[in-house]
């Protein structure tokens, strides 16, 4: 019985390690790394953007817990080359990783 528990814990540890490594690889593969401020823009019915000193980004997948006007964040993302937006505020991005600052 104890041996089975040890094997199960070992398998669980391996699964968690693989999952964590995949997440790290995704963040490393991101094209952009920046710090900015989440902003709600009233243009064209309203949407969430992330503003930096140099650029405004339009994320396609900003998690709801980060949809807070004025929230300072650190972002890794990829530019969505094949997506157009009628808002035209800046590059459209897909967030790979986002954290509060």
PDB file of N, CA and C in Angstrom:
ATOM      1  N   UNK A   1       0.830  -1.194   0.000  1.00  0.00           N
ATOM      2  CA  UNK A   1       0.000   0.000   0.000  1.00  0.00           C
ATOM      3  C   UNK A   1       0.876   1.260   0.000  1.00  0.00           C
ATOM      4  N   UNK A   2       1.894   1.300   0.855  1.00  0.00           N
ATOM      5  CA  UNK A   2       2.781   2.448   0.934  1.00  0.00           C
ATOM      6  C   UNK A   2       3.537   2.634  -0.387  1.00  0.00           C
ATOM      7  N   UNK A   3       3.926   1.542  -1.015  1.00  0.00           N
ATOM      8  CA  UNK A   3       4.630   1.598  -2.294  1.00  0.00           C
ATOM      9  C   UNK A   3       3.735   2.216  -3.370  1.00  0.00           C
ATOM     10  N   UNK A   4       2.457   1.880  -3.382  1.00  0.00           N
ATOM     11  CA  UNK A   4       1.522   2.433  -4.357  1.00  0.00           C
ATOM     12  C   UNK A   4       1.354   3.946  -4.146  1.00  0.00           C
ATOM     13  N   UNK A   5       1.308   4.378  -2.914  1.00  0.00           N
ATOM     14  CA  UNK A   5       1.180   5.806  -2.609  1.00  0.00           C
ATOM     15  C   UNK A   5       2.425   6.546  -3.095  1.00  0.00           C
ATOM     16  N   UNK A   6       3.603   5.963  -2.862  1.00  0.00           N
ATOM     17  CA  UNK A   6       4.848   6.582  -3.324  1.00  0.00           C
ATOM     18  C   UNK A   6       4.866   6.698  -4.850  1.00  0.00           C
ATOM     19  N   UNK A   7       4.412   5.634  -5.527  1.00  0.00           N
ATOM     20  CA  UNK A   7       4.383   5.666  -6.991  1.00  0.00           C
ATOM     21  C   UNK A   7       3.405   6.730  -7.488  1.00  0.00           C
ATOM     22  N   UNK A   8       2.256   6.826  -6.862  1.00  0.00           N
ATOM     23  CA  UNK A   8       1.252   7.814  -7.244  1.00  0.00           C
ATOM     24  C   UNK A   8       1.781   9.237  -7.039  1.00  0.00           C
ATOM     25  N   UNK A   9       2.439   9.476  -5.915  1.00  0.00           N
ATOM     26  CA  UNK A   9       3.016  10.794  -5.654  1.00  0.00           C
ATOM     27  C   UNK A   9       4.123  11.122  -6.656  1.00  0.00           C
ATOM     28  N   UNK A  10       4.920  10.135  -7.017  1.00  0.00           N
ATOM     29  CA  UNK A  10       5.973  10.337  -8.001  1.00  0.00           C
ATOM     30  C   UNK A  10       5.383  10.709  -9.362  1.00  0.00           C
ATOM     31  N   UNK A  11       4.342  10.016  -9.772  1.00  0.00           N
ATOM     32  CA  UNK A  11       3.678  10.308 -11.047  1.00  0.00           C
ATOM     33  C   UNK A  11       3.070  11.709 -11.021  1.00  0.00           C
ATOM     34  N   UNK A  12       2.469  12.058  -9.901  1.00  0.00           N
ATOM     35  CA  UNK A  12       1.886  13.391  -9.753  1.00  0.00           C
ATOM     36  C   UNK A  12       2.962  14.468  -9.841  1.00  0.00           C
ATOM     37  N   UNK A  13       4.088  14.235  -9.217  1.00  0.00           N
ATOM     38  CA  UNK A  13       5.200  15.180  -9.265  1.00  0.00           C
ATOM     39  C   UNK A  13       5.709  15.354 -10.693  1.00  0.00           C
ATOM     40  N   UNK A  14       5.823  14.288 -11.428  1.00  0.00           N
ATOM     41  CA  UNK A  14       6.265  14.356 -12.822  1.00  0.00           C
ATOM     42  C   UNK A  14       5.257  15.143 -13.663  1.00  0.00           C
ATOM     43  N   UNK A  15       3.971  14.874 -13.466  1.00  0.00           N
ATOM     44  CA  UNK A  15       2.927  15.578 -14.222  1.00  0.00           C
ATOM     45  C   UNK A  15       2.957  17.076 -13.941  1.00  0.00           C
ATOM     46  N   UNK A  16       3.128  17.454 -12.686  1.00  0.00           N
ATOM     47  CA  UNK A  16       3.190  18.870 -12.335  1.00  0.00           C
ATOM     48  C   UNK A  16       4.429  19.536 -12.924  1.00  0.00           C
ATOM     49  N   UNK A  17       5.545  18.833 -12.924  1.00  0.00           N
ATOM     50  CA  UNK A  17       6.783  19.369 -13.486  1.00  0.00           C
ATOM     51  C   UNK A  17       6.629  19.588 -14.987  1.00  0.00           C
ATOM     52  N   UNK A  18       6.061  18.640 -15.679  1.00  0.00           N
ATOM     53  CA  UNK A  18       5.853  18.771 -17.130  1.00  0.00           C
ATOM     54  C   UNK A  18       4.923  19.939 -17.425  1.00  0.00           C
ATOM     55  N   UNK A  19       3.844  20.059 -16.681  1.00  0.00           N
ATOM     56  CA  UNK A  19       2.895  21.158 -16.879  1.00  0.00           C
ATOM     57  C   UNK A  19       3.584  22.496 -16.644  1.00  0.00           C
ATOM     58  N   UNK A  20       4.358  22.614 -15.586  1.00  0.00           N
ATOM     59  CA  UNK A  20       5.052  23.863 -15.285  1.00  0.00           C
ATOM     60  C   UNK A  20       6.086  24.190 -16.358  1.00  0.00           C
ATOM     61  N   UNK A  21       6.796  23.213 -16.845  1.00  0.00           N
ATOM     62  CA  UNK A  21       7.795  23.444 -17.889  1.00  0.00           C
ATOM     63  C   UNK A  21       7.126  23.918 -19.174  1.00  0.00           C
ATOM     64  N   UNK A  22       5.963  23.368 -19.512  1.00  0.00           N
ATOM     65  CA  UNK A  22       5.238  23.813 -20.697  1.00  0.00           C
ATOM     66  C   UNK A  22       4.830  25.272 -20.569  1.00  0.00           C
ATOM     67  N   UNK A  23       4.394  25.696 -19.394  1.00  0.00           N
ATOM     68  CA  UNK A  23       4.018  27.085 -19.169  1.00  0.00           C
ATOM     69  C   UNK A  23       5.223  27.994 -19.336  1.00  0.00           C
ATOM     70  N   UNK A  24       6.358  27.599 -18.804  1.00  0.00           N
ATOM     71  CA  UNK A  24       7.558  28.407 -18.935  1.00  0.00           C
ATOM     72  C   UNK A  24       7.979  28.513 -20.394  1.00  0.00           C
ATOM     73  N   UNK A  25       7.875  27.436 -21.125  1.00  0.00           N
ATOM     74  CA  UNK A  25       8.250  27.458 -22.528  1.00  0.00           C
ATOM     75  C   UNK A  25       7.366  28.420 -23.291  1.00  0.00           C
ATOM     76  N   UNK A  26       6.080  28.448 -22.994  1.00  0.00           N
ATOM     77  CA  UNK A  26       5.170  29.364 -23.664  1.00  0.00           C
ATOM     78  C   UNK A  26       5.572  30.802 -23.414  1.00  0.00           C
ATOM     79  N   UNK A  27       5.908  31.140 -22.174  1.00  0.00           N
ATOM     80  CA  UNK A  27       6.314  32.509 -21.857  1.00  0.00           C
ATOM     81  C   UNK A  27       7.608  32.874 -22.562  1.00  0.00           C
ATOM     82  N   UNK A  28       8.526  31.933 -22.662  1.00  0.00           N
ATOM     83  CA  UNK A  28       9.795  32.202 -23.334  1.00  0.00           C
ATOM     84  C   UNK A  28       9.598  32.410 -24.821  1.00  0.00           C
ATOM     85  N   UNK A  29       8.563  31.815 -25.392  1.00  0.00           N
ATOM     86  CA  UNK A  29       8.300  31.938 -26.822  1.00  0.00           C
ATOM     87  C   UNK A  29       7.572  33.230 -27.181  1.00  0.00           C
ATOM     88  N   UNK A  30       7.192  34.029 -26.213  1.00  0.00           N
ATOM     89  CA  UNK A  30       6.473  35.266 -26.485  1.00  0.00           C
ATOM     90  C   UNK A  30       7.362  36.263 -27.222  1.00  0.00           C
ATOM     91  N   UNK A  31       6.747  37.039 -28.111  1.00  0.00           N
ATOM     92  CA  UNK A  31       7.469  38.041 -28.892  1.00  0.00           C
ATOM     93  C   UNK A  31       7.668  39.337 -28.116  1.00  0.00           C
ATOM     94  N   UNK A  32       6.723  39.675 -27.259  1.00  0.00           N
ATOM     95  CA  UNK A  32       6.742  40.953 -26.550  1.00  0.00           C
ATOM     96  C   UNK A  32       6.792  40.746 -25.047  1.00  0.00           C
ATOM     97  N   UNK A  33       7.526  41.605 -24.365  1.00  0.00           N
ATOM     98  CA  UNK A  33       7.543  41.651 -22.911  1.00  0.00           C
ATOM     99  C   UNK A  33       7.452  43.129 -22.553  1.00  0.00           C
ATOM    100  N   UNK A  34       6.448  43.512 -21.773  1.00  0.00           N
ATOM    101  CA  UNK A  34       6.313  44.921 -21.433  1.00  0.00           C
ATOM    102  C   UNK A  34       5.524  45.100 -20.139  1.00  0.00           C
ATOM    103  N   UNK A  35       5.664  46.292 -19.576  1.00  0.00           N
ATOM    104  CA  UNK A  35       4.863  46.699 -18.430  1.00  0.00           C
ATOM    105  C   UNK A  35       3.918  47.778 -18.914  1.00  0.00           C
ATOM    106  N   UNK A  36       2.690  47.735 -18.420  1.00  0.00           N
ATOM    107  CA  UNK A  36       1.713  48.720 -18.855  1.00  0.00           C
ATOM    108  C   UNK A  36       0.570  48.845 -17.873  1.00  0.00           C
ATOM    109  N   UNK A  37      -0.439  49.585 -18.294  1.00  0.00           N
ATOM    110  CA  UNK A  37      -1.613  49.838 -17.463  1.00  0.00           C
ATOM    111  C   UNK A  37      -2.863  49.443 -18.237  1.00  0.00           C
ATOM    112  N   UNK A  38      -3.701  48.643 -17.609  1.00  0.00           N
ATOM    113  CA  UNK A  38      -4.966  48.239 -18.218  1.00  0.00           C
ATOM    114  C   UNK A  38      -5.882  49.462 -18.246  1.00  0.00           C
ATOM    115  N   UNK A  39      -6.503  49.686 -19.392  1.00  0.00           N
ATOM    116  CA  UNK A  39      -7.369  50.844 -19.569  1.00  0.00           C
ATOM    117  C   UNK A  39      -8.629  50.431 -20.298  1.00  0.00           C
ATOM    118  N   UNK A  40      -9.767  50.937 -19.833  1.00  0.00           N
ATOM    119  CA  UNK A  40     -11.018  50.724 -20.566  1.00  0.00           C
ATOM    120  C   UNK A  40     -11.197  51.889 -21.508  1.00  0.00           C
ATOM    121  N   UNK A  41     -11.301  51.592 -22.800  1.00  0.00           N
ATOM    122  CA  UNK A  41     -11.447  52.640 -23.817  1.00  0.00           C
ATOM    123  C   UNK A  41     -12.887  52.650 -24.317  1.00  0.00           C
ATOM    124  N   UNK A  42     -13.443  53.832 -24.434  1.00  0.00           N
ATOM    125  CA  UNK A  42     -14.838  54.012 -24.834  1.00  0.00           C
ATOM    126  C   UNK A  42     -15.049  53.969 -26.349  1.00  0.00           C
ATOM    127  N   UNK A  43     -14.012  53.728 -27.113  1.00  0.00           N
ATOM    128  CA  UNK A  43     -14.095  53.716 -28.574  1.00  0.00           C
ATOM    129  C   UNK A  43     -14.922  52.526 -29.054  1.00  0.00           C
ATOM    130  N   UNK A  44     -15.776  52.749 -30.034  1.00  0.00           N
ATOM    131  CA  UNK A  44     -16.527  51.682 -30.711  1.00  0.00           C
ATOM    132  C   UNK A  44     -17.213  50.716 -29.754  1.00  0.00           C
ATOM    133  N   UNK A  45     -17.932  51.224 -28.784  1.00  0.00           N
ATOM    134  CA  UNK A  45     -18.676  50.374 -27.862  1.00  0.00           C
ATOM    135  C   UNK A  45     -17.904  49.967 -26.625  1.00  0.00           C
ATOM    136  N   UNK A  46     -16.622  50.302 -26.569  1.00  0.00           N
ATOM    137  CA  UNK A  46     -15.813  50.023 -25.389  1.00  0.00           C
ATOM    138  C   UNK A  46     -15.058  48.707 -25.469  1.00  0.00           C
ATOM    139  N   UNK A  47     -13.836  48.727 -24.961  1.00  0.00           N
ATOM    140  CA  UNK A  47     -13.007  47.519 -24.916  1.00  0.00           C
ATOM    141  C   UNK A  47     -11.845  47.766 -23.970  1.00  0.00           C
ATOM    142  N   UNK A  48     -11.163  46.689 -23.595  1.00  0.00           N
ATOM    143  CA  UNK A  48      -9.996  46.764 -22.708  1.00  0.00           C
ATOM    144  C   UNK A  48      -8.732  46.827 -23.546  1.00  0.00           C
ATOM    145  N   UNK A  49      -7.817  47.693 -23.145  1.00  0.00           N
ATOM    146  CA  UNK A  49      -6.519  47.830 -23.799  1.00  0.00           C
ATOM    147  C   UNK A  49      -5.446  47.854 -22.716  1.00  0.00           C
ATOM    148  N   UNK A  50      -4.205  47.714 -23.142  1.00  0.00           N
ATOM    149  CA  UNK A  50      -3.063  47.855 -22.234  1.00  0.00           C
ATOM    150  C   UNK A  50      -2.167  48.936 -22.830  1.00  0.00           C
ATOM    151  N   UNK A  51      -1.944  49.997 -22.060  1.00  0.00           N
ATOM    152  CA  UNK A  51      -1.148  51.125 -22.530  1.00  0.00           C
ATOM    153  C   UNK A  51       0.235  51.125 -21.888  1.00  0.00           C
ATOM    154  N   UNK A  52       1.235  51.418 -22.700  1.00  0.00           N
ATOM    155  CA  UNK A  52       2.596  51.662 -22.212  1.00  0.00           C
ATOM    156  C   UNK A  52       2.947  53.099 -22.580  1.00  0.00           C
ATOM    157  N   UNK A  53       4.151  53.526 -22.242  1.00  0.00           N
ATOM    158  CA  UNK A  53       4.586  54.864 -22.628  1.00  0.00           C
ATOM    159  C   UNK A  53       4.727  54.992 -24.149  1.00  0.00           C
ATOM    160  N   UNK A  54       5.021  53.882 -24.819  1.00  0.00           N
ATOM    161  CA  UNK A  54       5.273  53.919 -26.254  1.00  0.00           C
ATOM    162  C   UNK A  54       4.122  53.416 -27.126  1.00  0.00           C
ATOM    163  N   UNK A  55       3.232  52.578 -26.586  1.00  0.00           N
ATOM    164  CA  UNK A  55       2.262  51.880 -27.431  1.00  0.00           C
ATOM    165  C   UNK A  55       0.992  51.561 -26.664  1.00  0.00           C
ATOM    166  N   UNK A  56      -0.092  51.393 -27.408  1.00  0.00           N
ATOM    167  CA  UNK A  56      -1.338  50.866 -26.855  1.00  0.00           C
ATOM    168  C   UNK A  56      -1.601  49.535 -27.542  1.00  0.00           C
ATOM    169  N   UNK A  57      -1.847  48.491 -26.743  1.00  0.00           N
ATOM    170  CA  UNK A  57      -2.092  47.154 -27.276  1.00  0.00           C
ATOM    171  C   UNK A  57      -3.539  46.769 -27.063  1.00  0.00           C
ATOM    172  N   UNK A  58      -4.085  46.041 -28.026  1.00  0.00           N
ATOM    173  CA  UNK A  58      -5.445  45.529 -27.927  1.00  0.00           C
ATOM    174  C   UNK A  58      -5.389  44.010 -27.730  1.00  0.00           C
ATOM    175  N   UNK A  59      -5.532  43.545 -26.479  1.00  0.00           N
ATOM    176  CA  UNK A  59      -5.448  42.095 -26.237  1.00  0.00           C
ATOM    177  C   UNK A  59      -6.738  41.384 -26.642  1.00  0.00           C
ATOM    178  N   UNK A  60      -6.574  40.184 -27.181  1.00  0.00           N
ATOM    179  CA  UNK A  60      -7.734  39.376 -27.553  1.00  0.00           C
ATOM    180  C   UNK A  60      -8.218  38.495 -26.401  1.00  0.00           C
ATOM    181  N   UNK A  61      -7.377  38.340 -25.379  1.00  0.00           N
ATOM    182  CA  UNK A  61      -7.699  37.373 -24.326  1.00  0.00           C
ATOM    183  C   UNK A  61      -7.329  37.883 -22.926  1.00  0.00           C
ATOM    184  N   UNK A  62      -7.654  39.133 -22.624  1.00  0.00           N
ATOM    185  CA  UNK A  62      -7.379  39.675 -21.296  1.00  0.00           C
ATOM    186  C   UNK A  62      -8.288  38.987 -20.283  1.00  0.00           C
ATOM    187  N   UNK A  63      -7.726  38.247 -19.312  1.00  0.00           N
ATOM    188  CA  UNK A  63      -8.550  37.545 -18.328  1.00  0.00           C
ATOM    189  C   UNK A  63      -9.426  38.527 -17.525  1.00  0.00           C
ATOM    190  N   UNK A  64     -10.602  38.095 -17.152  1.00  0.00           N
ATOM    191  CA  UNK A  64     -11.555  38.963 -16.459  1.00  0.00           C
ATOM    192  C   UNK A  64     -10.993  39.530 -15.163  1.00  0.00           C
ATOM    193  N   UNK A  65     -10.147  38.792 -14.456  1.00  0.00           N
ATOM    194  CA  UNK A  65      -9.595  39.291 -13.202  1.00  0.00           C
ATOM    195  C   UNK A  65      -8.606  40.447 -13.415  1.00  0.00           C
ATOM    196  N   UNK A  66      -8.186  40.681 -14.673  1.00  0.00           N
ATOM    197  CA  UNK A  66      -7.289  41.781 -14.996  1.00  0.00           C
ATOM    198  C   UNK A  66      -8.030  42.947 -15.668  1.00  0.00           C
ATOM    199  N   UNK A  67      -9.325  42.819 -15.830  1.00  0.00           N
ATOM    200  CA  UNK A  67     -10.115  43.866 -16.462  1.00  0.00           C
ATOM    201  C   UNK A  67     -10.518  44.906 -15.415  1.00  0.00           C
ATOM    202  N   UNK A  68      -9.502  45.672 -14.980  1.00  0.00           N
ATOM    203  CA  UNK A  68      -9.677  46.713 -13.970  1.00  0.00           C
ATOM    204  C   UNK A  68      -8.944  47.955 -14.450  1.00  0.00           C
ATOM    205  N   UNK A  69      -9.677  49.028 -14.676  1.00  0.00           N
ATOM    206  CA  UNK A  69      -9.092  50.271 -15.171  1.00  0.00           C
ATOM    207  C   UNK A  69      -8.002  50.762 -14.222  1.00  0.00           C
ATOM    208  N   UNK A  70      -6.829  51.027 -14.768  1.00  0.00           N
ATOM    209  CA  UNK A  70      -5.709  51.532 -13.981  1.00  0.00           C
ATOM    210  C   UNK A  70      -4.804  50.459 -13.391  1.00  0.00           C
ATOM    211  N   UNK A  71      -5.135  49.190 -13.579  1.00  0.00           N
ATOM    212  CA  UNK A  71      -4.321  48.096 -13.039  1.00  0.00           C
ATOM    213  C   UNK A  71      -2.978  48.040 -13.766  1.00  0.00           C
ATOM    214  N   UNK A  72      -1.890  48.060 -13.009  1.00  0.00           N
ATOM    215  CA  UNK A  72      -0.556  47.964 -13.593  1.00  0.00           C
ATOM    216  C   UNK A  72      -0.168  46.496 -13.723  1.00  0.00           C
ATOM    217  N   UNK A  73       0.315  46.130 -14.921  1.00  0.00           N
ATOM    218  CA  UNK A  73       0.589  44.728 -15.226  1.00  0.00           C
ATOM    219  C   UNK A  73       1.928  44.563 -15.936  1.00  0.00           C
ATOM    220  N   UNK A  74       2.448  43.349 -15.869  1.00  0.00           N
ATOM    221  CA  UNK A  74       3.586  42.917 -16.661  1.00  0.00           C
ATOM    222  C   UNK A  74       3.066  41.842 -17.604  1.00  0.00           C
ATOM    223  N   UNK A  75       3.389  41.965 -18.891  1.00  0.00           N
ATOM    224  CA  UNK A  75       2.783  41.116 -19.915  1.00  0.00           C
ATOM    225  C   UNK A  75       3.848  40.493 -20.805  1.00  0.00           C
ATOM    226  N   UNK A  76       3.638  39.234 -21.147  1.00  0.00           N
ATOM    227  CA  UNK A  76       4.345  38.621 -22.272  1.00  0.00           C
ATOM    228  C   UNK A  76       3.255  38.220 -23.261  1.00  0.00           C
ATOM    229  N   UNK A  77       3.483  38.505 -24.536  1.00  0.00           N
ATOM    230  CA  UNK A  77       2.426  38.309 -25.530  1.00  0.00           C
ATOM    231  C   UNK A  77       3.014  38.100 -26.912  1.00  0.00           C
ATOM    232  N   UNK A  78       2.148  37.669 -27.811  1.00  0.00           N
ATOM    233  CA  UNK A  78       2.487  37.533 -29.221  1.00  0.00           C
ATOM    234  C   UNK A  78       1.579  38.443 -30.030  1.00  0.00           C
ATOM    235  N   UNK A  79       2.111  39.040 -31.073  1.00  0.00           N
ATOM    236  CA  UNK A  79       1.315  39.881 -31.962  1.00  0.00           C
ATOM    237  C   UNK A  79       0.466  38.979 -32.845  1.00  0.00           C
ATOM    238  N   UNK A  80      -0.806  39.315 -32.961  1.00  0.00           N
ATOM    239  CA  UNK A  80      -1.736  38.565 -33.813  1.00  0.00           C
ATOM    240  C   UNK A  80      -1.696  39.186 -35.212  1.00  0.00           C
ATOM    241  N   UNK A  81      -0.923  38.610 -36.097  1.00  0.00           N
ATOM    242  CA  UNK A  81      -0.708  39.173 -37.433  1.00  0.00           C
ATOM    243  C   UNK A  81      -1.935  39.054 -38.337  1.00  0.00           C
ATOM    244  N   UNK A  82      -2.734  38.017 -38.152  1.00  0.00           N
ATOM    245  CA  UNK A  82      -3.826  37.733 -39.083  1.00  0.00           C
ATOM    246  C   UNK A  82      -5.195  38.174 -38.571  1.00  0.00           C
ATOM    247  N   UNK A  83      -5.213  39.083 -37.607  1.00  0.00           N
ATOM    248  CA  UNK A  83      -6.472  39.585 -37.067  1.00  0.00           C
ATOM    249  C   UNK A  83      -6.509  41.090 -37.256  1.00  0.00           C
ATOM    250  N   UNK A  84      -7.629  41.571 -37.763  1.00  0.00           N
ATOM    251  CA  UNK A  84      -7.816  43.008 -37.928  1.00  0.00           C
ATOM    252  C   UNK A  84      -8.827  43.501 -36.907  1.00  0.00           C
ATOM    253  N   UNK A  85      -8.754  44.799 -36.615  1.00  0.00           N
ATOM    254  CA  UNK A  85      -9.695  45.410 -35.689  1.00  0.00           C
ATOM    255  C   UNK A  85     -10.115  46.762 -36.250  1.00  0.00           C
ATOM    256  N   UNK A  86     -11.376  47.081 -36.128  1.00  0.00           N
ATOM    257  CA  UNK A  86     -11.861  48.381 -36.587  1.00  0.00           C
ATOM    258  C   UNK A  86     -11.523  49.479 -35.579  1.00  0.00           C
ATOM    259  N   UNK A  87     -11.021  49.117 -34.416  1.00  0.00           N
ATOM    260  CA  UNK A  87     -10.668  50.113 -33.390  1.00  0.00           C
ATOM    261  C   UNK A  87      -9.362  50.837 -33.719  1.00  0.00           C
ATOM    262  N   UNK A  88      -8.406  50.138 -34.286  1.00  0.00           N
ATOM    263  CA  UNK A  88      -7.128  50.685 -34.759  1.00  0.00           C
ATOM    264  C   UNK A  88      -6.407  51.532 -33.703  1.00  0.00           C
ATOM    265  N   UNK A  89      -6.302  51.005 -32.483  1.00  0.00           N
ATOM    266  CA  UNK A  89      -5.585  51.731 -31.431  1.00  0.00           C
ATOM    267  C   UNK A  89      -4.130  51.302 -31.335  1.00  0.00           C
ATOM    268  N   UNK A  90      -3.815  50.142 -31.857  1.00  0.00           N
ATOM    269  CA  UNK A  90      -2.456  49.626 -31.791  1.00  0.00           C
ATOM    270  C   UNK A  90      -2.450  48.154 -32.135  1.00  0.00           C
ATOM    271  N   UNK A  91      -1.309  47.501 -31.973  1.00  0.00           N
ATOM    272  CA  UNK A  91      -1.204  46.074 -32.305  1.00  0.00           C
ATOM    273  C   UNK A  91      -2.176  45.220 -31.491  1.00  0.00           C
ATOM    274  N   UNK A  92      -2.716  44.224 -32.166  1.00  0.00           N
ATOM    275  CA  UNK A  92      -3.576  43.239 -31.505  1.00  0.00           C
ATOM    276  C   UNK A  92      -2.657  42.133 -30.992  1.00  0.00           C
ATOM    277  N   UNK A  93      -2.829  41.781 -29.719  1.00  0.00           N
ATOM    278  CA  UNK A  93      -1.942  40.783 -29.103  1.00  0.00           C
ATOM    279  C   UNK A  93      -2.741  39.658 -28.461  1.00  0.00           C
ATOM    280  N   UNK A  94      -2.093  38.509 -28.351  1.00  0.00           N
ATOM    281  CA  UNK A  94      -2.603  37.382 -27.572  1.00  0.00           C
ATOM    282  C   UNK A  94      -1.666  37.241 -26.381  1.00  0.00           C
ATOM    283  N   UNK A  95      -2.229  37.399 -25.189  1.00  0.00           N
ATOM    284  CA  UNK A  95      -1.446  37.345 -23.953  1.00  0.00           C
ATOM    285  C   UNK A  95      -1.026  35.905 -23.686  1.00  0.00           C
ATOM    286  N   UNK A  96       0.279  35.724 -23.419  1.00  0.00           N
ATOM    287  CA  UNK A  96       0.827  34.425 -23.029  1.00  0.00           C
ATOM    288  C   UNK A  96       0.860  34.337 -21.511  1.00  0.00           C
ATOM    289  N   UNK A  97       1.288  35.445 -20.875  1.00  0.00           N
ATOM    290  CA  UNK A  97       1.355  35.488 -19.414  1.00  0.00           C
ATOM    291  C   UNK A  97       1.141  36.933 -18.977  1.00  0.00           C
ATOM    292  N   UNK A  98       0.415  37.103 -17.879  1.00  0.00           N
ATOM    293  CA  UNK A  98       0.167  38.432 -17.350  1.00  0.00           C
ATOM    294  C   UNK A  98       0.166  38.354 -15.829  1.00  0.00           C
ATOM    295  N   UNK A  99       0.808  39.328 -15.191  1.00  0.00           N
ATOM    296  CA  UNK A  99       0.833  39.398 -13.732  1.00  0.00           C
ATOM    297  C   UNK A  99       0.602  40.833 -13.306  1.00  0.00           C
ATOM    298  N   UNK A 100       0.061  40.988 -12.103  1.00  0.00           N
ATOM    299  CA  UNK A 100      -0.123  42.317 -11.522  1.00  0.00           C
ATOM    300  C   UNK A 100       1.221  42.810 -11.029  1.00  0.00           C
ATOM    301  N   UNK A 101       1.461  44.124 -11.142  1.00  0.00           N
ATOM    302  CA  UNK A 101       2.698  44.711 -10.620  1.00  0.00           C
ATOM    303  C   UNK A 101       2.436  45.305  -9.265  1.00  0.00           C
TER     304      UNK A 101
END
